[in-house]
Amino acid sequence: MSKKLLLSFALSFIGVLSFAQIEGKWKTIDDETGKPKSIVEISKDSKGKYVGKIVQLLIKPENNNCVKCKDDRKNKPLIGLEIIRGLSKDGNEFSGGTITNPKDGKSYKTEIVREGDQLKVKALILGIAVKTQTWHKVD
């Protein structure tokens, strides 16, 4: 009986740990069409910050490069483009970083919260969520 209890506790603990992590591949959804748009892979960089890069496009874009980006990403290919930068984990939330919309080149402060197999990705202006997307875990 105690082995079953211990196993149950161990599995629950592992489930909680994986729940709070955002590393991995996520399917983004187009705001306008509601269709899958891209696959973004989130990982930690050498400084321990979370970053996200586009690894696959699911919809053909107008341009294969980020022509409207205004920083070091200007005219860089969308595949491999780092759209999330500088996130830190704060409890169950990931914040302190930015997210860039390659379509218009604008960058926003961002907060990300994992809810099961989904991420709630918020673009913020003056601390207020102006847009929230739901991204889905890719196996």
Protein backbone atom coordinates (compact mmCIF):
# COMPACT_ATOMS: atom_id res chain seq x y z
CA MET A 1 0.00 0.00 0.00
CA SER A 2 2.77 2.49 0.87
CA LYS A 3 4.54 1.83 -2.46
CA LYS A 4 1.38 2.87 -4.34
CA LEU A 5 1.10 6.00 -2.24
CA LEU A 6 4.77 6.87 -2.82
CA LEU A 7 4.42 6.26 -6.57
CA SER A 8 1.28 8.41 -6.69
CA PHE A 9 3.07 11.23 -4.86
CA ALA A 10 6.11 10.98 -7.15
CA LEU A 11 3.97 11.11 -10.30
CA SER A 12 2.00 14.07 -8.94
CA PHE A 13 5.24 15.92 -8.14
CA ILE A 14 6.60 15.28 -11.65
CA GLY A 15 3.30 16.53 -13.09
CA VAL A 16 3.56 19.76 -11.10
CA LEU A 17 7.14 20.31 -12.25
CA SER A 18 6.27 19.83 -15.92
CA PHE A 19 3.19 22.04 -15.53
CA ALA A 20 5.32 25.05 -14.64
CA GLN A 21 7.81 24.66 -17.51
CA ILE A 22 7.46 26.33 -20.91
CA GLU A 23 10.45 24.80 -22.67
CA GLY A 24 9.55 22.86 -25.81
CA LYS A 25 7.63 23.37 -29.05
CA TRP A 26 4.36 25.30 -29.21
CA LYS A 27 1.85 25.81 -32.02
CA THR A 28 0.81 29.45 -32.43
CA ILE A 29 -2.63 30.41 -33.70
CA ASP A 30 -3.31 33.30 -36.10
CA ASP A 31 -5.43 35.98 -34.38
CA GLU A 32 -7.36 36.85 -37.52
CA THR A 33 -8.07 33.42 -39.03
CA GLY A 34 -7.95 31.19 -35.94
CA LYS A 35 -5.74 28.77 -37.90
CA PRO A 36 -2.35 27.37 -36.80
CA LYS A 37 0.37 29.80 -37.89
CA SER A 38 3.77 28.56 -36.74
CA ILE A 39 5.74 26.38 -34.35
CA VAL A 40 7.84 28.25 -31.79
CA GLU A 41 10.49 26.47 -29.76
CA ILE A 42 11.14 27.90 -26.29
CA SER A 43 14.44 27.19 -24.56
CA LYS A 44 16.86 28.75 -22.07
CA ASP A 45 19.77 30.80 -23.33
CA SER A 46 23.29 30.88 -21.85
CA LYS A 47 22.18 33.50 -19.29
CA GLY A 48 19.29 31.35 -18.02
CA LYS A 49 16.63 33.48 -19.74
CA TYR A 50 13.86 31.95 -21.81
CA VAL A 51 13.84 32.66 -25.55
CA GLY A 52 11.54 31.50 -28.34
CA LYS A 53 12.39 30.98 -32.00
CA ILE A 54 10.17 30.20 -34.96
CA VAL A 55 11.16 26.72 -36.15
CA GLN A 56 8.35 26.07 -38.64
CA LEU A 57 5.80 28.11 -40.60
CA LEU A 58 2.35 26.56 -41.02
CA ILE A 59 0.95 29.40 -43.16
CA LYS A 60 2.81 30.97 -46.08
CA PRO A 61 3.73 34.52 -45.01
CA GLU A 62 3.68 37.62 -47.24
CA ASN A 63 7.45 37.72 -46.89
CA ASN A 64 9.91 35.07 -45.65
CA ASN A 65 11.93 37.74 -43.79
CA CYS A 66 11.04 40.10 -40.96
CA VAL A 67 11.02 43.21 -43.14
CA LYS A 68 9.17 45.34 -40.55
CA CYS A 69 11.42 44.47 -37.60
CA LYS A 70 13.31 47.51 -36.38
CA ASP A 71 16.24 45.95 -34.48
CA ASP A 72 18.89 43.29 -35.17
CA ARG A 73 16.12 41.06 -36.59
CA LYS A 74 15.39 43.40 -39.53
CA ASN A 75 15.30 41.43 -42.81
CA LYS A 76 16.27 38.18 -41.02
CA PRO A 77 14.51 34.96 -42.11
CA LEU A 78 11.35 34.11 -40.16
CA ILE A 79 12.58 30.54 -39.69
CA GLY A 80 15.02 30.81 -36.79
CA LEU A 81 13.79 34.29 -35.81
CA GLU A 82 13.90 34.89 -32.07
CA ILE A 83 10.47 36.35 -31.27
CA ILE A 84 10.64 35.89 -27.47
CA ARG A 85 13.56 37.32 -25.53
CA GLY A 86 14.59 37.69 -21.91
CA LEU A 87 11.85 35.88 -19.99
CA SER A 88 12.43 34.89 -16.36
CA LYS A 89 10.39 32.48 -14.26
CA ASP A 90 8.45 34.12 -11.42
CA GLY A 91 6.35 31.48 -9.64
CA ASN A 92 3.98 30.00 -12.23
CA GLU A 93 4.46 33.00 -14.52
CA PHE A 94 7.21 33.87 -16.96
CA SER A 95 7.76 37.61 -17.35
CA GLY A 96 10.31 40.38 -17.77
CA GLY A 97 10.88 39.72 -21.45
CA THR A 98 9.55 40.81 -24.82
CA ILE A 99 7.68 39.28 -27.71
CA THR A 100 7.91 40.55 -31.29
CA ASN A 101 5.19 40.27 -33.89
CA PRO A 102 7.05 39.64 -37.17
CA LYS A 103 4.00 40.73 -39.18
CA ASP A 104 4.22 44.36 -38.03
CA GLY A 105 7.67 44.36 -36.41
CA LYS A 106 6.35 45.65 -33.07
CA SER A 107 7.75 44.39 -29.78
CA TYR A 108 5.78 44.18 -26.54
CA LYS A 109 6.54 43.30 -22.96
CA THR A 110 5.19 39.81 -22.39
CA GLU A 111 3.94 37.46 -19.71
CA ILE A 112 3.41 33.74 -20.26
CA VAL A 113 1.47 31.36 -18.04
CA ARG A 114 1.25 27.63 -18.64
CA GLU A 115 -2.15 26.02 -18.20
CA GLY A 116 -1.78 22.29 -18.82
CA ASP A 117 -0.84 21.77 -22.48
CA GLN A 118 -1.44 25.42 -23.33
CA LEU A 119 0.41 28.69 -22.90
CA LYS A 120 -1.42 31.97 -22.36
CA VAL A 121 0.87 34.47 -24.09
CA LYS A 122 0.10 38.10 -23.25
CA ALA A 123 1.38 41.18 -25.07
CA LEU A 124 1.46 44.11 -22.64
CA ILE A 125 1.42 47.88 -23.00
CA LEU A 126 1.85 49.83 -19.74
CA GLY A 127 1.31 46.57 -17.85
CA ILE A 128 -2.09 45.93 -19.44
CA ALA A 129 -2.66 42.88 -21.66
CA VAL A 130 -3.63 44.25 -25.06
CA LYS A 131 -3.60 40.84 -26.71
CA THR A 132 -3.61 37.30 -25.38
CA GLN A 133 -2.93 34.24 -27.53
CA THR A 134 -3.29 30.59 -26.62
CA TRP A 135 -0.44 28.40 -27.84
CA HIS A 136 -0.73 24.60 -27.89
CA LYS A 137 1.94 22.08 -26.87
CA VAL A 138 3.46 20.10 -29.75
CA ASP A 139 4.62 16.56 -28.91
